[in-house]
N, C-alpha and C. Protein backbone atom coordinates (compact mmCIF):
# COMPACT_ATOMS: atom_id res chain seq x y z
N MET A 1 13.18 -12.05 -13.54
CA MET A 1 14.54 -11.80 -13.09
C MET A 1 14.52 -10.82 -11.92
N THR A 2 15.23 -11.11 -10.85
CA THR A 2 15.27 -10.24 -9.69
C THR A 2 16.14 -9.02 -9.96
N ARG A 3 15.61 -7.88 -9.64
CA ARG A 3 16.37 -6.64 -9.81
C ARG A 3 17.48 -6.57 -8.78
N ASP A 4 18.69 -6.23 -9.21
CA ASP A 4 19.82 -6.14 -8.32
C ASP A 4 19.80 -4.82 -7.58
N ALA A 5 20.12 -4.85 -6.27
CA ALA A 5 20.11 -3.63 -5.48
C ALA A 5 21.08 -2.59 -6.02
N GLU A 6 22.16 -3.04 -6.61
CA GLU A 6 23.17 -2.11 -7.14
C GLU A 6 22.56 -1.17 -8.18
N ILE A 7 21.59 -1.67 -8.92
CA ILE A 7 20.96 -0.87 -9.97
C ILE A 7 20.27 0.35 -9.38
N TYR A 8 19.76 0.22 -8.17
CA TYR A 8 19.06 1.34 -7.53
C TYR A 8 19.98 2.56 -7.41
N PHE A 9 21.23 2.33 -7.06
CA PHE A 9 22.15 3.43 -6.82
C PHE A 9 22.63 4.09 -8.11
N THR A 10 22.40 3.44 -9.24
CA THR A 10 22.79 4.03 -10.52
C THR A 10 21.59 4.52 -11.33
N ASP A 11 20.49 3.75 -11.25
CA ASP A 11 19.34 4.05 -12.10
C ASP A 11 18.06 4.36 -11.33
N GLY A 12 18.08 4.26 -9.99
CA GLY A 12 16.87 4.53 -9.23
C GLY A 12 15.97 3.31 -9.13
N CYS A 13 14.74 3.55 -8.68
CA CYS A 13 13.82 2.43 -8.41
C CYS A 13 13.16 1.86 -9.66
N GLY A 14 13.23 2.60 -10.78
CA GLY A 14 12.66 2.10 -12.02
C GLY A 14 11.18 2.31 -12.18
N ARG A 15 10.56 3.10 -11.26
CA ARG A 15 9.12 3.29 -11.32
C ARG A 15 8.69 4.53 -12.09
N CYS A 16 9.66 5.31 -12.56
CA CYS A 16 9.28 6.48 -13.36
C CYS A 16 10.28 6.68 -14.49
N SER A 17 9.95 7.58 -15.39
CA SER A 17 10.77 7.80 -16.59
C SER A 17 12.08 8.50 -16.30
N LEU A 18 12.27 9.01 -15.08
CA LEU A 18 13.50 9.73 -14.74
C LEU A 18 14.63 8.78 -14.35
N GLY A 19 14.32 7.50 -14.21
CA GLY A 19 15.34 6.53 -13.83
C GLY A 19 16.53 6.55 -14.77
N GLY A 20 17.72 6.55 -14.20
CA GLY A 20 18.94 6.55 -14.99
C GLY A 20 19.33 7.90 -15.54
N THR A 21 18.57 8.94 -15.21
CA THR A 21 18.88 10.30 -15.68
C THR A 21 19.36 11.15 -14.50
N PRO A 22 20.00 12.29 -14.78
CA PRO A 22 20.45 13.17 -13.69
C PRO A 22 19.31 13.70 -12.83
N ASP A 23 18.08 13.65 -13.35
CA ASP A 23 16.94 14.15 -12.59
C ASP A 23 16.34 13.13 -11.64
N CYS A 24 16.83 11.90 -11.68
CA CYS A 24 16.32 10.88 -10.77
C CYS A 24 16.61 11.30 -9.34
N LYS A 25 15.63 11.12 -8.46
CA LYS A 25 15.78 11.56 -7.07
C LYS A 25 16.95 10.88 -6.37
N VAL A 26 17.30 9.68 -6.81
CA VAL A 26 18.42 8.98 -6.20
C VAL A 26 19.71 9.76 -6.37
N HIS A 27 19.85 10.44 -7.51
CA HIS A 27 21.09 11.18 -7.79
C HIS A 27 21.24 12.42 -6.92
N ARG A 28 20.15 12.89 -6.34
CA ARG A 28 20.23 14.06 -5.46
C ARG A 28 20.90 13.71 -4.14
N TRP A 29 20.86 12.43 -3.80
CA TRP A 29 21.30 12.01 -2.47
C TRP A 29 22.37 10.93 -2.53
N GLN A 30 23.23 10.97 -3.54
CA GLN A 30 24.20 9.89 -3.72
C GLN A 30 25.15 9.75 -2.54
N LYS A 31 25.66 10.87 -2.03
CA LYS A 31 26.61 10.81 -0.91
C LYS A 31 25.93 10.29 0.35
N GLU A 32 24.72 10.77 0.59
CA GLU A 32 23.99 10.35 1.78
C GLU A 32 23.63 8.86 1.71
N LEU A 33 23.14 8.43 0.55
CA LEU A 33 22.78 7.03 0.37
C LEU A 33 23.99 6.11 0.50
N ALA A 34 25.12 6.55 -0.06
CA ALA A 34 26.35 5.75 0.03
C ALA A 34 26.79 5.60 1.48
N ALA A 35 26.67 6.68 2.25
CA ALA A 35 27.06 6.63 3.66
C ALA A 35 26.13 5.71 4.45
N LEU A 36 24.84 5.81 4.20
CA LEU A 36 23.88 4.95 4.88
C LEU A 36 24.08 3.48 4.49
N ARG A 37 24.33 3.26 3.23
CA ARG A 37 24.55 1.89 2.75
C ARG A 37 25.76 1.27 3.44
N ARG A 38 26.83 2.06 3.56
CA ARG A 38 28.04 1.57 4.21
C ARG A 38 27.75 1.16 5.66
N ILE A 39 26.99 1.99 6.36
CA ILE A 39 26.65 1.69 7.75
C ILE A 39 25.85 0.39 7.86
N LEU A 40 24.84 0.25 7.01
CA LEU A 40 23.97 -0.93 7.07
C LEU A 40 24.74 -2.21 6.76
N LEU A 41 25.61 -2.15 5.74
CA LEU A 41 26.38 -3.34 5.37
C LEU A 41 27.40 -3.69 6.44
N SER A 42 27.88 -2.68 7.17
CA SER A 42 28.87 -2.94 8.22
C SER A 42 28.26 -3.65 9.43
N CYS A 43 26.93 -3.68 9.47
CA CYS A 43 26.23 -4.30 10.61
C CYS A 43 25.87 -5.76 10.35
N GLY A 44 26.33 -6.30 9.21
CA GLY A 44 26.10 -7.72 8.92
C GLY A 44 24.78 -8.03 8.26
N LEU A 45 24.12 -7.03 7.74
CA LEU A 45 22.86 -7.25 7.02
C LEU A 45 23.13 -7.69 5.59
N THR A 46 22.19 -8.39 5.01
CA THR A 46 22.28 -8.82 3.61
C THR A 46 21.51 -7.83 2.74
N GLU A 47 22.15 -7.34 1.69
CA GLU A 47 21.51 -6.37 0.81
C GLU A 47 20.79 -7.07 -0.34
N GLU A 48 19.51 -6.79 -0.47
CA GLU A 48 18.71 -7.30 -1.57
C GLU A 48 17.95 -6.14 -2.19
N CYS A 49 17.14 -6.43 -3.19
CA CYS A 49 16.29 -5.39 -3.77
C CYS A 49 14.85 -5.88 -3.73
N LYS A 50 14.01 -5.12 -3.02
CA LYS A 50 12.60 -5.46 -2.92
C LYS A 50 11.79 -4.18 -3.08
N TRP A 51 10.68 -4.29 -3.78
CA TRP A 51 9.83 -3.14 -4.05
C TRP A 51 10.59 -2.02 -4.76
N GLY A 52 11.64 -2.41 -5.49
CA GLY A 52 12.40 -1.44 -6.26
C GLY A 52 13.46 -0.69 -5.49
N VAL A 53 13.61 -0.98 -4.19
CA VAL A 53 14.59 -0.26 -3.37
C VAL A 53 15.47 -1.25 -2.61
N PRO A 54 16.65 -0.81 -2.14
CA PRO A 54 17.49 -1.70 -1.35
C PRO A 54 16.80 -2.11 -0.05
N CYS A 55 16.79 -3.40 0.20
CA CYS A 55 16.19 -3.95 1.41
C CYS A 55 17.26 -4.75 2.14
N TYR A 56 17.43 -4.50 3.42
CA TYR A 56 18.47 -5.14 4.20
C TYR A 56 17.83 -6.18 5.10
N THR A 57 18.28 -7.41 4.96
CA THR A 57 17.62 -8.55 5.60
C THR A 57 18.55 -9.25 6.58
N PHE A 58 17.93 -10.01 7.46
CA PHE A 58 18.66 -10.84 8.42
C PHE A 58 17.94 -12.17 8.50
N GLN A 59 18.65 -13.24 8.15
CA GLN A 59 18.05 -14.59 8.12
C GLN A 59 16.75 -14.59 7.32
N GLN A 60 16.80 -13.92 6.17
CA GLN A 60 15.70 -13.84 5.19
C GLN A 60 14.51 -13.01 5.69
N ASN A 61 14.67 -12.31 6.80
CA ASN A 61 13.63 -11.41 7.28
C ASN A 61 13.95 -9.97 6.89
N ASN A 62 12.96 -9.25 6.37
CA ASN A 62 13.17 -7.85 5.99
C ASN A 62 13.30 -7.00 7.25
N VAL A 63 14.38 -6.23 7.34
CA VAL A 63 14.64 -5.43 8.54
C VAL A 63 14.60 -3.93 8.25
N ILE A 64 15.28 -3.51 7.18
CA ILE A 64 15.43 -2.08 6.89
C ILE A 64 15.33 -1.84 5.39
N LEU A 65 14.69 -0.72 5.03
CA LEU A 65 14.68 -0.25 3.65
C LEU A 65 15.50 1.03 3.57
N LEU A 66 16.11 1.24 2.42
CA LEU A 66 16.87 2.46 2.14
C LEU A 66 16.27 3.10 0.91
N GLY A 67 16.02 4.40 0.95
CA GLY A 67 15.39 5.02 -0.22
C GLY A 67 15.53 6.53 -0.24
N ALA A 68 14.96 7.14 -1.26
CA ALA A 68 15.07 8.58 -1.45
C ALA A 68 13.78 9.15 -2.02
N PHE A 69 13.43 10.32 -1.55
CA PHE A 69 12.37 11.13 -2.12
C PHE A 69 12.97 12.44 -2.60
N LYS A 70 12.14 13.30 -3.12
CA LYS A 70 12.63 14.57 -3.66
C LYS A 70 13.34 15.41 -2.59
N ASP A 71 12.76 15.46 -1.39
CA ASP A 71 13.25 16.38 -0.37
C ASP A 71 14.17 15.74 0.66
N TYR A 72 14.32 14.43 0.63
CA TYR A 72 15.19 13.77 1.61
C TYR A 72 15.42 12.32 1.22
N CYS A 73 16.44 11.73 1.83
CA CYS A 73 16.62 10.28 1.74
C CYS A 73 16.37 9.72 3.14
N PHE A 74 16.26 8.41 3.25
CA PHE A 74 15.84 7.85 4.52
C PHE A 74 16.25 6.40 4.67
N ILE A 75 16.24 5.95 5.93
CA ILE A 75 16.24 4.52 6.20
C ILE A 75 14.96 4.24 6.99
N SER A 76 14.40 3.08 6.73
CA SER A 76 13.13 2.72 7.35
C SER A 76 13.29 1.40 8.10
N PHE A 77 13.05 1.45 9.41
CA PHE A 77 13.06 0.24 10.23
C PHE A 77 11.66 -0.36 10.16
N LEU A 78 11.53 -1.53 9.58
CA LEU A 78 10.21 -2.10 9.33
C LEU A 78 9.49 -2.52 10.60
N LYS A 79 10.22 -2.76 11.68
CA LYS A 79 9.61 -3.00 12.99
C LYS A 79 10.06 -1.92 13.97
N GLY A 80 10.16 -0.71 13.46
CA GLY A 80 10.68 0.40 14.26
C GLY A 80 9.88 0.70 15.50
N ALA A 81 8.61 0.33 15.51
CA ALA A 81 7.77 0.59 16.68
C ALA A 81 8.27 -0.19 17.90
N LEU A 82 9.05 -1.26 17.68
CA LEU A 82 9.57 -2.06 18.78
C LEU A 82 10.92 -1.57 19.29
N ILE A 83 11.52 -0.63 18.57
CA ILE A 83 12.83 -0.10 18.97
C ILE A 83 12.65 0.95 20.06
N GLN A 84 13.49 0.87 21.09
CA GLN A 84 13.49 1.87 22.15
C GLN A 84 14.19 3.12 21.60
N ASP A 85 13.42 4.09 21.20
CA ASP A 85 13.97 5.27 20.53
C ASP A 85 14.53 6.26 21.56
N THR A 86 15.63 5.87 22.17
CA THR A 86 16.21 6.67 23.25
C THR A 86 16.71 8.03 22.78
N GLU A 87 17.07 8.15 21.50
CA GLU A 87 17.60 9.41 20.97
C GLU A 87 16.54 10.24 20.27
N GLY A 88 15.33 9.70 20.17
CA GLY A 88 14.24 10.46 19.56
C GLY A 88 14.42 10.79 18.10
N ILE A 89 15.02 9.88 17.34
CA ILE A 89 15.27 10.16 15.92
C ILE A 89 14.27 9.48 14.99
N LEU A 90 13.44 8.59 15.53
CA LEU A 90 12.50 7.85 14.69
C LEU A 90 11.18 8.60 14.56
N SER A 91 10.56 8.49 13.40
CA SER A 91 9.24 9.09 13.19
C SER A 91 8.40 8.16 12.32
N LYS A 92 7.09 8.33 12.41
CA LYS A 92 6.19 7.56 11.57
C LYS A 92 6.20 8.14 10.16
N PRO A 93 6.25 7.28 9.13
CA PRO A 93 6.17 7.81 7.76
C PRO A 93 4.78 8.34 7.42
N GLY A 94 3.77 7.88 8.15
CA GLY A 94 2.40 8.35 7.96
C GLY A 94 1.68 8.35 9.29
N GLU A 95 0.65 9.15 9.38
CA GLU A 95 -0.06 9.30 10.66
C GLU A 95 -0.57 7.99 11.21
N ASN A 96 -1.02 7.10 10.32
CA ASN A 96 -1.63 5.85 10.77
C ASN A 96 -0.70 4.65 10.70
N THR A 97 0.58 4.90 10.44
CA THR A 97 1.55 3.81 10.38
C THR A 97 1.67 3.14 11.75
N GLN A 98 1.68 1.83 11.77
CA GLN A 98 1.75 1.12 13.04
C GLN A 98 3.14 0.56 13.34
N ALA A 99 3.79 -0.05 12.37
CA ALA A 99 5.05 -0.75 12.63
C ALA A 99 6.29 0.03 12.21
N GLU A 100 6.25 0.60 11.03
CA GLU A 100 7.43 1.20 10.42
C GLU A 100 7.82 2.53 11.08
N ARG A 101 9.12 2.77 11.17
CA ARG A 101 9.64 4.06 11.65
C ARG A 101 10.82 4.46 10.76
N VAL A 102 10.94 5.74 10.46
CA VAL A 102 11.96 6.21 9.53
C VAL A 102 12.88 7.23 10.18
N VAL A 103 14.08 7.36 9.59
CA VAL A 103 15.00 8.44 9.92
C VAL A 103 15.32 9.14 8.61
N ARG A 104 15.07 10.44 8.55
CA ARG A 104 15.26 11.22 7.32
C ARG A 104 16.57 11.99 7.36
N PHE A 105 17.17 12.17 6.18
CA PHE A 105 18.44 12.88 6.07
C PHE A 105 18.41 13.84 4.87
N THR A 106 19.01 15.01 5.06
CA THR A 106 19.13 15.97 3.96
C THR A 106 20.57 16.40 3.72
N GLU A 107 21.49 15.92 4.56
CA GLU A 107 22.92 16.23 4.40
C GLU A 107 23.73 15.04 4.85
N VAL A 108 24.86 14.83 4.20
CA VAL A 108 25.70 13.69 4.55
C VAL A 108 26.25 13.85 5.96
N LYS A 109 26.46 15.08 6.42
CA LYS A 109 27.00 15.27 7.77
C LYS A 109 26.01 14.79 8.83
N GLU A 110 24.72 14.79 8.50
CA GLU A 110 23.72 14.25 9.44
C GLU A 110 23.93 12.76 9.62
N VAL A 111 24.28 12.08 8.54
CA VAL A 111 24.53 10.65 8.60
C VAL A 111 25.76 10.39 9.47
N VAL A 112 26.80 11.19 9.27
CA VAL A 112 28.04 11.02 10.03
C VAL A 112 27.79 11.23 11.51
N VAL A 113 27.06 12.27 11.85
CA VAL A 113 26.79 12.59 13.25
C VAL A 113 25.98 11.48 13.92
N LYS A 114 25.06 10.88 13.18
CA LYS A 114 24.16 9.88 13.75
C LYS A 114 24.67 8.45 13.59
N GLU A 115 25.87 8.27 13.02
CA GLU A 115 26.32 6.92 12.70
C GLU A 115 26.29 5.97 13.90
N ALA A 116 26.84 6.38 15.02
CA ALA A 116 26.89 5.50 16.18
C ALA A 116 25.49 5.14 16.67
N VAL A 117 24.60 6.12 16.67
CA VAL A 117 23.21 5.88 17.09
C VAL A 117 22.51 4.94 16.12
N LEU A 118 22.71 5.19 14.83
CA LEU A 118 22.08 4.34 13.81
C LEU A 118 22.53 2.89 13.97
N LYS A 119 23.82 2.69 14.20
CA LYS A 119 24.32 1.33 14.37
C LYS A 119 23.68 0.66 15.58
N SER A 120 23.53 1.42 16.66
CA SER A 120 22.92 0.83 17.86
C SER A 120 21.47 0.46 17.58
N TYR A 121 20.77 1.27 16.80
CA TYR A 121 19.39 0.96 16.44
C TYR A 121 19.32 -0.26 15.53
N VAL A 122 20.27 -0.36 14.60
CA VAL A 122 20.30 -1.51 13.70
C VAL A 122 20.52 -2.80 14.50
N PHE A 123 21.47 -2.75 15.44
CA PHE A 123 21.74 -3.94 16.25
C PHE A 123 20.53 -4.29 17.12
N GLU A 124 19.79 -3.27 17.57
CA GLU A 124 18.58 -3.54 18.33
C GLU A 124 17.54 -4.20 17.44
N ALA A 125 17.45 -3.73 16.19
CA ALA A 125 16.52 -4.32 15.23
C ALA A 125 16.88 -5.79 14.96
N LEU A 126 18.16 -6.09 14.93
CA LEU A 126 18.60 -7.47 14.73
C LEU A 126 18.21 -8.33 15.93
N GLU A 127 18.34 -7.79 17.13
CA GLU A 127 17.95 -8.54 18.33
C GLU A 127 16.45 -8.81 18.33
N ILE A 128 15.69 -7.86 17.82
CA ILE A 128 14.24 -8.03 17.70
C ILE A 128 13.92 -9.21 16.78
N GLU A 129 14.67 -9.29 15.67
CA GLU A 129 14.47 -10.41 14.73
C GLU A 129 14.89 -11.73 15.36
N LYS A 130 16.03 -11.73 16.05
CA LYS A 130 16.51 -12.96 16.68
C LYS A 130 15.50 -13.48 17.70
N ALA A 131 14.84 -12.55 18.39
CA ALA A 131 13.87 -12.94 19.41
C ALA A 131 12.51 -13.29 18.82
N GLY A 132 12.35 -13.05 17.52
CA GLY A 132 11.08 -13.37 16.86
C GLY A 132 9.93 -12.46 17.29
N LEU A 133 10.26 -11.24 17.70
CA LEU A 133 9.21 -10.32 18.17
C LEU A 133 8.37 -9.81 17.01
N LYS A 134 7.09 -9.59 17.27
CA LYS A 134 6.16 -9.11 16.27
C LYS A 134 5.48 -7.83 16.75
N VAL A 135 5.17 -6.95 15.82
CA VAL A 135 4.41 -5.76 16.16
C VAL A 135 2.96 -6.16 16.37
N GLN A 136 2.38 -5.71 17.45
CA GLN A 136 0.97 -6.00 17.72
C GLN A 136 0.11 -4.94 17.03
N TYR A 137 -0.46 -5.33 15.91
CA TYR A 137 -1.27 -4.40 15.13
C TYR A 137 -2.65 -4.22 15.75
N LYS A 138 -3.19 -3.03 15.58
CA LYS A 138 -4.57 -2.81 15.97
C LYS A 138 -5.46 -3.72 15.13
N SER A 139 -6.48 -4.26 15.75
CA SER A 139 -7.42 -5.08 14.99
C SER A 139 -8.32 -4.18 14.17
N THR A 140 -8.96 -4.76 13.18
CA THR A 140 -9.86 -3.98 12.33
C THR A 140 -10.97 -3.33 13.15
N ASP A 141 -11.41 -4.01 14.20
CA ASP A 141 -12.49 -3.48 15.04
C ASP A 141 -12.09 -2.21 15.78
N ASP A 142 -10.77 -1.97 15.89
CA ASP A 142 -10.30 -0.78 16.61
C ASP A 142 -10.33 0.47 15.75
N PHE A 143 -10.53 0.31 14.45
CA PHE A 143 -10.54 1.45 13.55
C PHE A 143 -11.95 2.04 13.45
N GLU A 144 -12.00 3.35 13.40
CA GLU A 144 -13.29 4.04 13.28
C GLU A 144 -13.86 3.84 11.88
N ILE A 145 -15.14 3.55 11.80
CA ILE A 145 -15.82 3.42 10.51
C ILE A 145 -16.52 4.74 10.21
N PRO A 146 -16.12 5.44 9.15
CA PRO A 146 -16.75 6.73 8.85
C PRO A 146 -18.25 6.58 8.59
N GLU A 147 -18.99 7.61 8.92
CA GLU A 147 -20.44 7.58 8.81
C GLU A 147 -20.90 7.22 7.40
N GLU A 148 -20.19 7.74 6.40
CA GLU A 148 -20.58 7.49 5.01
C GLU A 148 -20.46 6.00 4.67
N LEU A 149 -19.44 5.35 5.23
CA LEU A 149 -19.28 3.91 4.98
C LEU A 149 -20.33 3.12 5.74
N GLN A 150 -20.67 3.55 6.95
CA GLN A 150 -21.73 2.89 7.69
C GLN A 150 -23.05 2.93 6.92
N THR A 151 -23.33 4.08 6.30
CA THR A 151 -24.56 4.23 5.50
C THR A 151 -24.55 3.28 4.31
N LYS A 152 -23.38 3.19 3.66
CA LYS A 152 -23.26 2.32 2.49
C LYS A 152 -23.45 0.85 2.88
N LEU A 153 -22.87 0.46 4.00
CA LEU A 153 -22.99 -0.91 4.46
C LEU A 153 -24.43 -1.26 4.82
N ALA A 154 -25.13 -0.30 5.40
CA ALA A 154 -26.50 -0.54 5.83
C ALA A 154 -27.48 -0.58 4.66
N SER A 155 -27.17 0.16 3.60
CA SER A 155 -28.11 0.29 2.49
C SER A 155 -27.83 -0.66 1.33
N ASN A 156 -26.67 -1.30 1.35
CA ASN A 156 -26.28 -2.15 0.22
C ASN A 156 -25.80 -3.51 0.74
N PRO A 157 -26.70 -4.49 0.83
CA PRO A 157 -26.34 -5.81 1.39
C PRO A 157 -25.18 -6.48 0.66
N ALA A 158 -25.16 -6.34 -0.66
CA ALA A 158 -24.08 -6.98 -1.43
C ALA A 158 -22.74 -6.36 -1.09
N PHE A 159 -22.74 -5.04 -0.95
CA PHE A 159 -21.51 -4.33 -0.58
C PHE A 159 -21.07 -4.75 0.82
N LYS A 160 -22.01 -4.84 1.75
CA LYS A 160 -21.69 -5.22 3.13
C LYS A 160 -21.08 -6.62 3.17
N THR A 161 -21.68 -7.55 2.42
CA THR A 161 -21.16 -8.92 2.38
C THR A 161 -19.75 -8.95 1.84
N ALA A 162 -19.51 -8.19 0.76
CA ALA A 162 -18.19 -8.15 0.14
C ALA A 162 -17.16 -7.51 1.06
N PHE A 163 -17.55 -6.42 1.71
CA PHE A 163 -16.61 -5.72 2.60
C PHE A 163 -16.23 -6.61 3.78
N GLU A 164 -17.21 -7.28 4.36
CA GLU A 164 -16.94 -8.13 5.52
C GLU A 164 -16.14 -9.36 5.14
N ALA A 165 -16.14 -9.73 3.87
CA ALA A 165 -15.38 -10.89 3.41
C ALA A 165 -13.92 -10.56 3.12
N LEU A 166 -13.58 -9.27 3.11
CA LEU A 166 -12.19 -8.87 2.84
C LEU A 166 -11.27 -9.34 3.97
N THR A 167 -10.00 -9.51 3.64
CA THR A 167 -9.02 -9.85 4.68
C THR A 167 -8.88 -8.66 5.63
N PRO A 168 -8.45 -8.89 6.87
CA PRO A 168 -8.29 -7.78 7.81
C PRO A 168 -7.39 -6.66 7.29
N GLY A 169 -6.31 -7.03 6.60
CA GLY A 169 -5.41 -6.01 6.06
C GLY A 169 -6.07 -5.14 5.01
N ARG A 170 -6.88 -5.76 4.15
CA ARG A 170 -7.58 -4.99 3.12
C ARG A 170 -8.63 -4.09 3.75
N LYS A 171 -9.31 -4.59 4.76
CA LYS A 171 -10.30 -3.75 5.46
C LYS A 171 -9.63 -2.54 6.08
N ARG A 172 -8.50 -2.76 6.75
CA ARG A 172 -7.80 -1.65 7.39
C ARG A 172 -7.38 -0.61 6.36
N GLY A 173 -6.90 -1.08 5.22
CA GLY A 173 -6.49 -0.15 4.17
C GLY A 173 -7.64 0.74 3.71
N TYR A 174 -8.78 0.14 3.51
CA TYR A 174 -9.95 0.91 3.09
C TYR A 174 -10.43 1.86 4.19
N LEU A 175 -10.46 1.38 5.43
CA LEU A 175 -10.93 2.23 6.53
C LEU A 175 -10.05 3.47 6.68
N LEU A 176 -8.75 3.28 6.56
CA LEU A 176 -7.85 4.42 6.67
C LEU A 176 -8.03 5.37 5.49
N HIS A 177 -8.18 4.81 4.30
CA HIS A 177 -8.32 5.62 3.09
C HIS A 177 -9.64 6.40 3.09
N PHE A 178 -10.71 5.74 3.53
CA PHE A 178 -12.02 6.39 3.53
C PHE A 178 -12.15 7.42 4.66
N SER A 179 -11.43 7.24 5.73
CA SER A 179 -11.55 8.14 6.88
C SER A 179 -10.69 9.39 6.74
N ALA A 180 -9.70 9.35 5.86
CA ALA A 180 -8.72 10.44 5.79
C ALA A 180 -9.29 11.81 5.41
N PRO A 181 -10.15 11.92 4.40
CA PRO A 181 -10.64 13.25 4.00
C PRO A 181 -11.47 13.92 5.09
N LYS A 182 -11.36 15.23 5.18
CA LYS A 182 -12.13 15.98 6.17
C LYS A 182 -13.56 16.23 5.72
N GLN A 183 -13.76 16.30 4.40
CA GLN A 183 -15.09 16.60 3.87
C GLN A 183 -15.87 15.32 3.56
N ALA A 184 -17.16 15.35 3.94
CA ALA A 184 -18.02 14.17 3.74
C ALA A 184 -18.12 13.80 2.27
N LYS A 185 -18.22 14.80 1.40
CA LYS A 185 -18.39 14.49 -0.03
C LYS A 185 -17.17 13.79 -0.60
N THR A 186 -15.99 14.12 -0.07
CA THR A 186 -14.77 13.46 -0.53
C THR A 186 -14.73 12.02 -0.03
N ARG A 187 -15.17 11.81 1.21
CA ARG A 187 -15.24 10.45 1.74
C ARG A 187 -16.21 9.61 0.92
N GLU A 188 -17.37 10.20 0.59
CA GLU A 188 -18.36 9.49 -0.23
C GLU A 188 -17.80 9.15 -1.60
N ALA A 189 -17.08 10.09 -2.18
CA ALA A 189 -16.50 9.87 -3.52
C ALA A 189 -15.51 8.72 -3.49
N ARG A 190 -14.72 8.66 -2.44
CA ARG A 190 -13.74 7.56 -2.34
C ARG A 190 -14.45 6.21 -2.21
N ILE A 191 -15.48 6.18 -1.41
CA ILE A 191 -16.23 4.93 -1.22
C ILE A 191 -16.85 4.48 -2.54
N ASP A 192 -17.45 5.43 -3.26
CA ASP A 192 -18.06 5.10 -4.55
C ASP A 192 -17.01 4.62 -5.55
N LYS A 193 -15.85 5.27 -5.54
CA LYS A 193 -14.79 4.91 -6.48
C LYS A 193 -14.33 3.47 -6.28
N TYR A 194 -14.23 3.05 -5.02
CA TYR A 194 -13.68 1.72 -4.74
C TYR A 194 -14.73 0.65 -4.54
N THR A 195 -16.01 1.01 -4.69
CA THR A 195 -17.06 0.00 -4.54
C THR A 195 -16.87 -1.19 -5.49
N PRO A 196 -16.61 -0.97 -6.80
CA PRO A 196 -16.41 -2.12 -7.69
C PRO A 196 -15.25 -3.02 -7.24
N GLN A 197 -14.20 -2.39 -6.73
CA GLN A 197 -13.03 -3.15 -6.30
C GLN A 197 -13.37 -3.99 -5.06
N ILE A 198 -14.13 -3.41 -4.15
CA ILE A 198 -14.54 -4.15 -2.94
C ILE A 198 -15.46 -5.31 -3.32
N LEU A 199 -16.39 -5.05 -4.23
CA LEU A 199 -17.31 -6.10 -4.68
C LEU A 199 -16.56 -7.25 -5.36
N ALA A 200 -15.39 -6.92 -5.91
CA ALA A 200 -14.58 -7.95 -6.58
C ALA A 200 -13.64 -8.64 -5.59
N GLY A 201 -13.71 -8.23 -4.32
CA GLY A 201 -12.86 -8.86 -3.30
C GLY A 201 -11.42 -8.40 -3.31
N LYS A 202 -11.17 -7.24 -3.90
CA LYS A 202 -9.81 -6.74 -4.03
C LYS A 202 -9.51 -5.67 -2.99
N GLY A 203 -8.21 -5.52 -2.68
CA GLY A 203 -7.76 -4.51 -1.75
C GLY A 203 -7.53 -3.18 -2.45
N LEU A 204 -7.16 -2.19 -1.68
CA LEU A 204 -6.96 -0.84 -2.18
C LEU A 204 -5.95 -0.76 -3.30
N HIS A 205 -4.88 -1.56 -3.20
CA HIS A 205 -3.78 -1.48 -4.18
C HIS A 205 -3.69 -2.71 -5.07
N ASP A 206 -4.72 -3.54 -5.07
CA ASP A 206 -4.69 -4.75 -5.93
C ASP A 206 -4.93 -4.40 -7.39
């Protein structure tokens, strides 16, 4: 059964035991989420629920996500990298994020002040969908391979064969995850931890 987006605004995403309680993070940002939801729906987007959060689509294409964390709520433009950020309000949710861009809010007045800008960005996102534009992702070859992973690939033929057989997306996920720690021993530990998963042909989150 598909989860209804309406449930998110009353019970949260359903991924933790706080759902439906006053402690759910969604309840911290009810006014802000309601204001953002109103803006998105006024732009002609279709509201669905995907990945446990409201997802706003256009012609069955995912365009924007709406959600909340402990310290802020946000809207996420899934192809935000293609938007001309003339007002400088978009940011990457993570250092290595390629396509997605977010706008964070901590007060409802921030939503009110940015409403006109947000609508212009939403309409630009719709034009991007209408034009069929795609984000040009870095290829796997463009990502740095940490020294510890190079050693593992060189010393373990079975591991090398399995890693090279992974899909490009799964490879990128592992390369980013393995490269993130500053300490070599932590990078080695991560590689060792996920070796069985790689040998099984699975991705980081499979």
